[in-house]
Structure formats: C-alpha cells, structure tokens
PDB file of all heavy atoms in Angstrom:
ATOM      1  N   LEU A   1     104.503 164.852  18.300  1.00  0.00           N
ATOM      2  CA  LEU A   1     104.988 164.171  17.107  1.00  0.00           C
ATOM      3  C   LEU A   1     106.431 163.729  17.318  1.00  0.00           C
ATOM      4  O   LEU A   1     107.287 164.520  17.708  1.00  0.00           O
ATOM      5  CB  LEU A   1     104.904 165.107  15.896  1.00  0.00           C
ATOM      6  CG  LEU A   1     105.096 164.479  14.514  1.00  0.00           C
ATOM      7  CD1 LEU A   1     103.969 163.495  14.211  1.00  0.00           C
ATOM      8  CD2 LEU A   1     105.164 165.553  13.441  1.00  0.00           C
ATOM      9  N   VAL A   2     106.686 162.438  17.042  1.00  0.00           N
ATOM     10  CA  VAL A   2     108.004 161.835  17.237  1.00  0.00           C
ATOM     11  C   VAL A   2     108.413 161.133  15.956  1.00  0.00           C
ATOM     12  O   VAL A   2     107.563 160.552  15.262  1.00  0.00           O
ATOM     13  CB  VAL A   2     107.980 160.819  18.407  1.00  0.00           C
ATOM     14  CG1 VAL A   2     109.280 160.037  18.489  1.00  0.00           C
ATOM     15  CG2 VAL A   2     107.691 161.509  19.720  1.00  0.00           C
ATOM     16  N   ARG A   3     109.702 161.189  15.630  1.00  0.00           N
ATOM     17  CA  ARG A   3     110.246 160.360  14.564  1.00  0.00           C
ATOM     18  C   ARG A   3     111.320 159.456  15.147  1.00  0.00           C
ATOM     19  O   ARG A   3     112.107 159.894  15.988  1.00  0.00           O
ATOM     20  CB  ARG A   3     110.810 161.226  13.427  1.00  0.00           C
ATOM     21  CG  ARG A   3     109.719 161.904  12.613  1.00  0.00           C
ATOM     22  CD  ARG A   3     110.272 162.784  11.510  1.00  0.00           C
ATOM     23  NE  ARG A   3     109.185 163.384  10.733  1.00  0.00           N
ATOM     24  CZ  ARG A   3     109.364 164.328   9.817  1.00  0.00           C
ATOM     25  NH1 ARG A   3     110.596 164.777   9.539  1.00  0.00           N
ATOM     26  NH2 ARG A   3     108.329 164.809   9.156  1.00  0.00           N
ATOM     27  N   THR A   4     111.346 158.225  14.672  1.00  0.00           N
ATOM     28  CA  THR A   4     112.264 157.229  15.213  1.00  0.00           C
ATOM     29  C   THR A   4     113.479 157.056  14.313  1.00  0.00           C
ATOM     30  O   THR A   4     113.493 157.496  13.165  1.00  0.00           O
ATOM     31  CB  THR A   4     111.563 155.871  15.375  1.00  0.00           C
ATOM     32  OG1 THR A   4     111.249 155.359  14.072  1.00  0.00           O
ATOM     33  CG2 THR A   4     110.290 155.999  16.199  1.00  0.00           C
ATOM     34  N   GLY A   5     114.498 156.377  14.840  1.00  0.00           N
ATOM     35  CA  GLY A   5     115.689 156.077  14.057  1.00  0.00           C
ATOM     36  C   GLY A   5     116.354 157.336  13.540  1.00  0.00           C
ATOM     37  O   GLY A   5     116.407 158.367  14.205  1.00  0.00           O
ATOM     38  N   MET A   6     116.854 157.277  12.312  1.00  0.00           N
ATOM     39  CA  MET A   6     117.533 158.433  11.727  1.00  0.00           C
ATOM     40  C   MET A   6     116.554 159.526  11.312  1.00  0.00           C
ATOM     41  O   MET A   6     116.964 160.652  11.004  1.00  0.00           O
ATOM     42  CB  MET A   6     118.378 158.000  10.529  1.00  0.00           C
ATOM     43  CG  MET A   6     119.427 156.936  10.844  1.00  0.00           C
ATOM     44  SD  MET A   6     120.498 157.312  12.256  1.00  0.00           S
ATOM     45  CE  MET A   6     121.402 158.729  11.649  1.00  0.00           C
ATOM     46  N   GLY A   7     115.256 159.218  11.330  1.00  0.00           N
ATOM     47  CA  GLY A   7     114.254 160.244  11.088  1.00  0.00           C
ATOM     48  C   GLY A   7     114.221 161.289  12.185  1.00  0.00           C
ATOM     49  O   GLY A   7     113.678 162.382  12.010  1.00  0.00           O
ATOM     50  N   ALA A   8     114.793 160.945  13.345  1.00  0.00           N
ATOM     51  CA  ALA A   8     114.830 161.878  14.468  1.00  0.00           C
ATOM     52  C   ALA A   8     115.855 162.993  14.270  1.00  0.00           C
ATOM     53  O   ALA A   8     115.870 163.972  15.022  1.00  0.00           O
ATOM     54  CB  ALA A   8     115.131 161.121  15.764  1.00  0.00           C
ATOM     55  N   VAL A   9     116.720 162.872  13.272  1.00  0.00           N
ATOM     56  CA  VAL A   9     117.653 163.934  12.920  1.00  0.00           C
ATOM     57  C   VAL A   9     116.892 164.974  12.105  1.00  0.00           C
ATOM     58  O   VAL A   9     116.118 164.609  11.208  1.00  0.00           O
ATOM     59  CB  VAL A   9     118.850 163.380  12.106  1.00  0.00           C
ATOM     60  CG1 VAL A   9     119.800 164.492  11.699  1.00  0.00           C
ATOM     61  CG2 VAL A   9     119.571 162.316  12.919  1.00  0.00           C
ATOM     62  N   GLY A  10     117.100 166.247  12.382  1.00  0.00           N
ATOM     63  CA  GLY A  10     116.320 167.317  11.773  1.00  0.00           C
ATOM     64  C   GLY A  10     116.105 167.178  10.280  1.00  0.00           C
ATOM     65  O   GLY A  10     114.973 167.181   9.795  1.00  0.00           O
ATOM     66  N   LYS A  11     117.177 167.036   9.505  1.00  0.00           N
ATOM     67  CA  LYS A  11     117.043 166.934   8.053  1.00  0.00           C
ATOM     68  C   LYS A  11     116.608 165.545   7.596  1.00  0.00           C
ATOM     69  O   LYS A  11     116.099 165.380   6.486  1.00  0.00           O
ATOM     70  CB  LYS A  11     118.370 167.302   7.383  1.00  0.00           C
ATOM     71  CG  LYS A  11     118.728 168.781   7.510  1.00  0.00           C
ATOM     72  CD  LYS A  11     119.993 169.102   6.729  1.00  0.00           C
ATOM     73  CE  LYS A  11     120.313 170.591   6.808  1.00  0.00           C
ATOM     74  NZ  LYS A  11     121.539 170.925   6.033  1.00  0.00           N
ATOM     75  N   GLY A  12     116.825 164.561   8.424  1.00  0.00           N
ATOM     76  CA  GLY A  12     116.399 163.203   8.071  1.00  0.00           C
ATOM     77  C   GLY A  12     117.042 162.658   6.814  1.00  0.00           C
ATOM     78  O   GLY A  12     116.433 161.883   6.074  1.00  0.00           O
ATOM     79  N   ALA A  13     118.290 163.033   6.560  1.00  0.00           N
ATOM     80  CA  ALA A  13     118.940 162.648   5.299  1.00  0.00           C
ATOM     81  C   ALA A  13     119.103 161.143   5.160  1.00  0.00           C
ATOM     82  O   ALA A  13     119.147 160.620   4.037  1.00  0.00           O
ATOM     83  CB  ALA A  13     120.306 163.331   5.187  1.00  0.00           C
ATOM     84  N   THR A  14     119.213 160.431   6.272  1.00  0.00           N
ATOM     85  CA  THR A  14     119.385 158.972   6.216  1.00  0.00           C
ATOM     86  C   THR A  14     118.219 158.247   6.897  1.00  0.00           C
ATOM     87  O   THR A  14     118.373 157.115   7.355  1.00  0.00           O
ATOM     88  CB  THR A  14     120.723 158.556   6.866  1.00  0.00           C
ATOM     89  OG1 THR A  14     120.784 159.086   8.200  1.00  0.00           O
ATOM     90  CG2 THR A  14     121.897 159.071   6.061  1.00  0.00           C
ATOM     91  N   TRP A  15     117.073 158.897   6.937  1.00  0.00           N
ATOM     92  CA  TRP A  15     115.879 158.340   7.565  1.00  0.00           C
ATOM     93  C   TRP A  15     115.627 156.911   7.099  1.00  0.00           C
ATOM     94  O   TRP A  15     115.341 156.021   7.891  1.00  0.00           O
ATOM     95  CB  TRP A  15     114.689 159.248   7.228  1.00  0.00           C
ATOM     96  CG  TRP A  15     113.334 158.824   7.738  1.00  0.00           C
ATOM     97  CD1 TRP A  15     112.927 157.593   8.142  1.00  0.00           C
ATOM     98  CD2 TRP A  15     112.190 159.682   7.886  1.00  0.00           C
ATOM     99  NE1 TRP A  15     111.612 157.607   8.523  1.00  0.00           N
ATOM    100  CE2 TRP A  15     111.131 158.876   8.383  1.00  0.00           C
ATOM    101  CE3 TRP A  15     111.952 161.026   7.638  1.00  0.00           C
ATOM    102  CZ2 TRP A  15     109.854 159.401   8.635  1.00  0.00           C
ATOM    103  CZ3 TRP A  15     110.682 161.527   7.893  1.00  0.00           C
ATOM    104  CH2 TRP A  15     109.646 160.731   8.389  1.00  0.00           C
ATOM    105  N   ARG A  16     115.725 156.662   5.789  1.00  0.00           N
ATOM    106  CA  ARG A  16     115.310 155.382   5.225  1.00  0.00           C
ATOM    107  C   ARG A  16     116.484 154.456   4.924  1.00  0.00           C
ATOM    108  O   ARG A  16     116.321 153.463   4.223  1.00  0.00           O
ATOM    109  CB  ARG A  16     114.485 155.633   3.959  1.00  0.00           C
ATOM    110  CG  ARG A  16     113.356 156.640   4.224  1.00  0.00           C
ATOM    111  CD  ARG A  16     112.360 156.780   3.136  1.00  0.00           C
ATOM    112  NE  ARG A  16     112.900 157.130   1.844  1.00  0.00           N
ATOM    113  CZ  ARG A  16     113.103 158.376   1.411  1.00  0.00           C
ATOM    114  NH1 ARG A  16     112.883 159.417   2.225  1.00  0.00           N
ATOM    115  NH2 ARG A  16     113.536 158.596   0.191  1.00  0.00           N
ATOM    116  N   ASN A  17     117.641 154.778   5.497  1.00  0.00           N
ATOM    117  CA  ASN A  17     118.836 153.972   5.240  1.00  0.00           C
ATOM    118  C   ASN A  17     119.250 153.102   6.413  1.00  0.00           C
ATOM    119  O   ASN A  17     119.813 152.020   6.220  1.00  0.00           O
ATOM    120  CB  ASN A  17     120.013 154.876   4.867  1.00  0.00           C
ATOM    121  CG  ASN A  17     119.757 155.671   3.605  1.00  0.00           C
ATOM    122  OD1 ASN A  17     119.263 156.787   3.681  1.00  0.00           O
ATOM    123  ND2 ASN A  17     120.066 155.100   2.461  1.00  0.00           N
ATOM    124  N   TYR A  18     118.997 153.573   7.624  1.00  0.00           N
ATOM    125  CA  TYR A  18     119.489 152.887   8.830  1.00  0.00           C
ATOM    126  C   TYR A  18     118.373 152.881   9.864  1.00  0.00           C
ATOM    127  O   TYR A  18     117.827 153.932  10.217  1.00  0.00           O
ATOM    128  CB  TYR A  18     120.728 153.602   9.358  1.00  0.00           C
ATOM    129  CG  TYR A  18     121.357 152.971  10.577  1.00  0.00           C
ATOM    130  CD1 TYR A  18     121.928 151.708  10.518  1.00  0.00           C
ATOM    131  CD2 TYR A  18     121.376 153.648  11.793  1.00  0.00           C
ATOM    132  CE1 TYR A  18     122.507 151.136  11.640  1.00  0.00           C
ATOM    133  CE2 TYR A  18     121.966 153.089  12.931  1.00  0.00           C
ATOM    134  CZ  TYR A  18     122.532 151.825  12.839  1.00  0.00           C
ATOM    135  OH  TYR A  18     123.107 151.259  13.955  1.00  0.00           O
ATOM    136  N   LYS A  19     118.015 151.698  10.353  1.00  0.00           N
ATOM    137  CA  LYS A  19     116.825 151.543  11.173  1.00  0.00           C
ATOM    138  C   LYS A  19     116.945 152.106  12.586  1.00  0.00           C
ATOM    139  O   LYS A  19     115.954 152.539  13.174  1.00  0.00           O
ATOM    140  CB  LYS A  19     116.456 150.057  11.298  1.00  0.00           C
ATOM    141  CG  LYS A  19     116.044 149.379  10.011  1.00  0.00           C
ATOM    142  CD  LYS A  19     115.897 147.878  10.243  1.00  0.00           C
ATOM    143  CE  LYS A  19     115.505 147.134   8.986  1.00  0.00           C
ATOM    144  NZ  LYS A  19     114.093 147.292   8.666  1.00  0.00           N
ATOM    145  N   TYR A  20     118.153 152.082  13.162  1.00  0.00           N
ATOM    146  CA  TYR A  20     118.223 152.131  14.618  1.00  0.00           C
ATOM    147  C   TYR A  20     118.514 153.497  15.222  1.00  0.00           C
ATOM    148  O   TYR A  20     118.127 153.762  16.345  1.00  0.00           O
ATOM    149  CB  TYR A  20     119.262 151.117  15.101  1.00  0.00           C
ATOM    150  CG  TYR A  20     118.998 149.744  14.543  1.00  0.00           C
ATOM    151  CD1 TYR A  20     119.831 149.191  13.570  1.00  0.00           C
ATOM    152  CD2 TYR A  20     117.873 149.024  14.932  1.00  0.00           C
ATOM    153  CE1 TYR A  20     119.565 147.945  13.031  1.00  0.00           C
ATOM    154  CE2 TYR A  20     117.606 147.780  14.392  1.00  0.00           C
ATOM    155  CZ  TYR A  20     118.459 147.244  13.437  1.00  0.00           C
ATOM    156  OH  TYR A  20     118.185 146.025  12.897  1.00  0.00           O
ATOM    157  N   GLY A  21     119.201 154.376  14.501  1.00  0.00           N
ATOM    158  CA  GLY A  21     119.505 155.667  15.095  1.00  0.00           C
ATOM    159  C   GLY A  21     120.466 155.542  16.247  1.00  0.00           C
ATOM    160  O   GLY A  21     121.404 154.737  16.226  1.00  0.00           O
ATOM    161  N   TYR A  22     120.225 156.322  17.293  1.00  0.00           N
ATOM    162  CA  TYR A  22     121.103 156.391  18.470  1.00  0.00           C
ATOM    163  C   TYR A  22     120.274 156.096  19.706  1.00  0.00           C
ATOM    164  O   TYR A  22     119.216 156.678  19.915  1.00  0.00           O
ATOM    165  CB  TYR A  22     121.720 157.787  18.546  1.00  0.00           C
ATOM    166  CG  TYR A  22     122.716 157.982  19.665  1.00  0.00           C
ATOM    167  CD1 TYR A  22     123.932 157.320  19.652  1.00  0.00           C
ATOM    168  CD2 TYR A  22     122.440 158.851  20.720  1.00  0.00           C
ATOM    169  CE1 TYR A  22     124.863 157.510  20.654  1.00  0.00           C
ATOM    170  CE2 TYR A  22     123.361 159.051  21.740  1.00  0.00           C
ATOM    171  CZ  TYR A  22     124.577 158.383  21.702  1.00  0.00           C
ATOM    172  OH  TYR A  22     125.498 158.574  22.707  1.00  0.00           O
ATOM    173  N   GLY A  23     120.737 155.166  20.524  1.00  0.00           N
ATOM    174  CA  GLY A  23     119.943 154.766  21.680  1.00  0.00           C
ATOM    175  C   GLY A  23     118.962 153.673  21.313  1.00  0.00           C
ATOM    176  O   GLY A  23     119.137 152.979  20.298  1.00  0.00           O
ATOM    177  N   PRO A  24     117.897 153.489  22.092  1.00  0.00           N
ATOM    178  CA  PRO A  24     116.933 152.422  21.810  1.00  0.00           C
ATOM    179  C   PRO A  24     116.297 152.595  20.430  1.00  0.00           C
ATOM    180  O   PRO A  24     116.067 153.711  19.970  1.00  0.00           O
ATOM    181  CB  PRO A  24     115.874 152.585  22.916  1.00  0.00           C
ATOM    182  CG  PRO A  24     116.562 153.339  23.994  1.00  0.00           C
ATOM    183  CD  PRO A  24     117.560 154.238  23.327  1.00  0.00           C
ATOM    184  N   GLY A  25     116.020 151.457  19.781  1.00  0.00           N
ATOM    185  CA  GLY A  25     115.295 151.477  18.517  1.00  0.00           C
ATOM    186  C   GLY A  25     113.811 151.288  18.792  1.00  0.00           C
ATOM    187  O   GLY A  25     113.410 150.242  19.295  1.00  0.00           O
ATOM    188  N   TRP A  26     112.995 152.287  18.462  1.00  0.00           N
ATOM    189  CA  TRP A  26     111.600 152.285  18.887  1.00  0.00           C
ATOM    190  C   TRP A  26     110.617 151.786  17.824  1.00  0.00           C
ATOM    191  O   TRP A  26     109.418 151.662  18.114  1.00  0.00           O
ATOM    192  CB  TRP A  26     111.182 153.702  19.296  1.00  0.00           C
ATOM    193  CG  TRP A  26     111.862 154.201  20.532  1.00  0.00           C
ATOM    194  CD1 TRP A  26     112.780 155.205  20.609  1.00  0.00           C
ATOM    195  CD2 TRP A  26     111.682 153.721  21.875  1.00  0.00           C
ATOM    196  NE1 TRP A  26     113.186 155.383  21.914  1.00  0.00           N
ATOM    197  CE2 TRP A  26     112.531 154.487  22.715  1.00  0.00           C
ATOM    198  CE3 TRP A  26     110.901 152.724  22.447  1.00  0.00           C
ATOM    199  CZ2 TRP A  26     112.611 154.285  24.080  1.00  0.00           C
ATOM    200  CZ3 TRP A  26     110.982 152.519  23.822  1.00  0.00           C
ATOM    201  CH2 TRP A  26     111.824 153.295  24.620  1.00  0.00           C
ATOM    202  N   ASP A  27     111.074 151.502  16.614  1.00  0.00           N
ATOM    203  CA  ASP A  27     110.112 151.128  15.568  1.00  0.00           C
ATOM    204  C   ASP A  27     109.203 149.980  15.997  1.00  0.00           C
ATOM    205  O   ASP A  27     107.984 150.029  15.800  1.00  0.00           O
ATOM    206  CB  ASP A  27     110.853 150.740  14.279  1.00  0.00           C
ATOM    207  CG  ASP A  27     111.359 151.952  13.500  1.00  0.00           C
ATOM    208  OD1 ASP A  27     111.379 153.059  14.075  1.00  0.00           O
ATOM    209  OD2 ASP A  27     111.747 151.781  12.339  1.00  0.00           O
ATOM    210  N   GLN A  28     109.783 148.950  16.577  1.00  0.00           N
ATOM    211  CA  GLN A  28     108.975 147.779  16.939  1.00  0.00           C
ATOM    212  C   GLN A  28     107.978 148.068  18.057  1.00  0.00           C
ATOM    213  O   GLN A  28     106.994 147.347  18.221  1.00  0.00           O
ATOM    214  CB  GLN A  28     109.888 146.617  17.328  1.00  0.00           C
ATOM    215  CG  GLN A  28     110.507 145.902  16.145  1.00  0.00           C
ATOM    216  CD  GLN A  28     109.471 145.260  15.253  1.00  0.00           C
ATOM    217  OE1 GLN A  28     108.563 144.578  15.710  1.00  0.00           O
ATOM    218  NE2 GLN A  28     109.583 145.490  13.947  1.00  0.00           N
ATOM    219  N   MET A  29     108.219 149.126  18.823  1.00  0.00           N
ATOM    220  CA  MET A  29     107.256 149.473  19.879  1.00  0.00           C
ATOM    221  C   MET A  29     105.895 149.832  19.296  1.00  0.00           C
ATOM    222  O   MET A  29     104.860 149.696  19.965  1.00  0.00           O
ATOM    223  CB  MET A  29     107.783 150.629  20.722  1.00  0.00           C
ATOM    224  CG  MET A  29     106.900 150.933  21.927  1.00  0.00           C
ATOM    225  SD  MET A  29     107.593 152.185  23.009  1.00  0.00           S
ATOM    226  CE  MET A  29     107.142 153.669  22.139  1.00  0.00           C
ATOM    227  N   PHE A  30     105.887 150.296  18.042  1.00  0.00           N
ATOM    228  CA  PHE A  30     104.632 150.733  17.440  1.00  0.00           C
ATOM    229  C   PHE A  30     104.036 149.678  16.501  1.00  0.00           C
ATOM    230  O   PHE A  30     103.016 149.928  15.854  1.00  0.00           O
ATOM    231  CB  PHE A  30     104.859 152.054  16.704  1.00  0.00           C
ATOM    232  CG  PHE A  30     105.322 153.144  17.634  1.00  0.00           C
ATOM    233  CD1 PHE A  30     106.643 153.560  17.633  1.00  0.00           C
ATOM    234  CD2 PHE A  30     104.446 153.723  18.540  1.00  0.00           C
ATOM    235  CE1 PHE A  30     107.079 154.550  18.506  1.00  0.00           C
ATOM    236  CE2 PHE A  30     104.871 154.713  19.415  1.00  0.00           C
ATOM    237  CZ  PHE A  30     106.194 155.128  19.398  1.00  0.00           C
ATOM    238  N   ALA A  31     104.654 148.500  16.414  1.00  0.00           N
ATOM    239  CA  ALA A  31     104.089 147.383  15.658  1.00  0.00           C
ATOM    240  C   ALA A  31     103.175 146.580  16.578  1.00  0.00           C
ATOM    241  O   ALA A  31     103.531 146.284  17.720  1.00  0.00           O
ATOM    242  CB  ALA A  31     105.202 146.496  15.112  1.00  0.00           C
ATOM    243  N   GLN A  32     101.996 146.268  16.122  1.00  0.00           N
ATOM    244  CA  GLN A  32     100.995 145.514  16.896  1.00  0.00           C
ATOM    245  C   GLN A  32     100.802 146.102  18.289  1.00  0.00           C
ATOM    246  O   GLN A  32     100.667 145.361  19.264  1.00  0.00           O
ATOM    247  CB  GLN A  32     101.391 144.037  16.999  1.00  0.00           C
ATOM    248  CG  GLN A  32     101.225 143.271  15.704  1.00  0.00           C
ATOM    249  CD  GLN A  32     101.296 141.762  15.885  1.00  0.00           C
ATOM    250  OE1 GLN A  32     101.362 141.250  16.999  1.00  0.00           O
ATOM    251  NE2 GLN A  32     101.279 141.043  14.780  1.00  0.00           N
ATOM    252  N   SER A  33     100.797 147.422  18.391  1.00  0.00           N
ATOM    253  CA  SER A  33     100.610 148.038  19.703  1.00  0.00           C
ATOM    254  C   SER A  33      99.575 149.147  19.615  1.00  0.00           C
ATOM    255  O   SER A  33      99.027 149.434  18.554  1.00  0.00           O
ATOM    256  CB  SER A  33     101.940 148.599  20.222  1.00  0.00           C
ATOM    257  OG  SER A  33     102.198 149.887  19.680  1.00  0.00           O
ATOM    258  N   ASN A  34      99.338 149.775  20.750  1.00  0.00           N
ATOM    259  CA  ASN A  34      98.454 150.945  20.816  1.00  0.00           C
ATOM    260  C   ASN A  34      99.162 152.079  21.558  1.00  0.00           C
ATOM    261  O   ASN A  34      98.562 152.793  22.349  1.00  0.00           O
ATOM    262  CB  ASN A  34      97.127 150.587  21.489  1.00  0.00           C
ATOM    263  CG  ASN A  34      97.314 149.839  22.802  1.00  0.00           C
ATOM    264  OD1 ASN A  34      98.421 149.768  23.345  1.00  0.00           O
ATOM    265  ND2 ASN A  34      96.237 149.283  23.333  1.00  0.00           N
ATOM    266  N   PHE A  35     100.441 152.217  21.276  1.00  0.00           N
ATOM    267  CA  PHE A  35     101.272 153.220  21.944  1.00  0.00           C
ATOM    268  C   PHE A  35     101.379 154.522  21.149  1.00  0.00           C
ATOM    269  O   PHE A  35     101.994 155.480  21.619  1.00  0.00           O
ATOM    270  CB  PHE A  35     102.680 152.672  22.179  1.00  0.00           C
ATOM    271  CG  PHE A  35     102.724 151.449  23.065  1.00  0.00           C
ATOM    272  CD1 PHE A  35     103.735 150.511  22.908  1.00  0.00           C
ATOM    273  CD2 PHE A  35     101.765 151.219  24.035  1.00  0.00           C
ATOM    274  CE1 PHE A  35     103.798 149.385  23.722  1.00  0.00           C
ATOM    275  CE2 PHE A  35     101.808 150.086  24.842  1.00  0.00           C
ATOM    276  CZ  PHE A  35     102.826 149.165  24.684  1.00  0.00           C
ATOM    277  N   GLY A  36     100.840 154.582  19.948  1.00  0.00           N
ATOM    278  CA  GLY A  36     100.894 155.780  19.130  1.00  0.00           C
ATOM    279  C   GLY A  36     100.243 155.529  17.784  1.00  0.00           C
ATOM    280  O   GLY A  36      99.794 154.419  17.487  1.00  0.00           O
ATOM    281  N   ILE A  37     100.180 156.571  16.957  1.00  0.00           N
ATOM    282  CA  ILE A  37      99.540 156.502  15.644  1.00  0.00           C
ATOM    283  C   ILE A  37     100.597 156.836  14.593  1.00  0.00           C
ATOM    284  O   ILE A  37     101.097 157.965  14.544  1.00  0.00           O
ATOM    285  CB  ILE A  37      98.366 157.490  15.551  1.00  0.00           C
ATOM    286  CG1 ILE A  37      97.326 157.191  16.644  1.00  0.00           C
ATOM    287  CG2 ILE A  37      97.724 157.430  14.164  1.00  0.00           C
ATOM    288  CD1 ILE A  37      96.297 158.289  16.821  1.00  0.00           C
ATOM    289  N   VAL A  38     100.941 155.875  13.759  1.00  0.00           N
ATOM    290  CA  VAL A  38     101.990 156.068  12.757  1.00  0.00           C
ATOM    291  C   VAL A  38     101.411 156.839  11.569  1.00  0.00           C
ATOM    292  O   VAL A  38     100.394 156.433  10.992  1.00  0.00           O
ATOM    293  CB  VAL A  38     102.573 154.722  12.307  1.00  0.00           C
ATOM    294  CG1 VAL A  38     103.621 154.928  11.221  1.00  0.00           C
ATOM    295  CG2 VAL A  38     103.184 153.983  13.495  1.00  0.00           C
TER     296      VAL A  38
END
C-alpha cells in the first residue's frame, strides 16, 4: 500500500491540499494505467 503526494506523510494533514509532495509526483502514473489499484 502506497500513498502519493502529501498523503505519504504519516498523519496526512495536508493530503488534500498540495498535489506533489517531495520528489516525483506519482498521481498521474496511476491515471489511465495498469500500474496499481487506487
């Protein structure tokens, strides 16, 4: 189980505020793909 962006921070306090987090932004990797199950 993986969470992307700020959801990857344990408490996820800003999960839904900022898309990118730290390092690569992976959200688009799971759009129109078969790389995981959201």
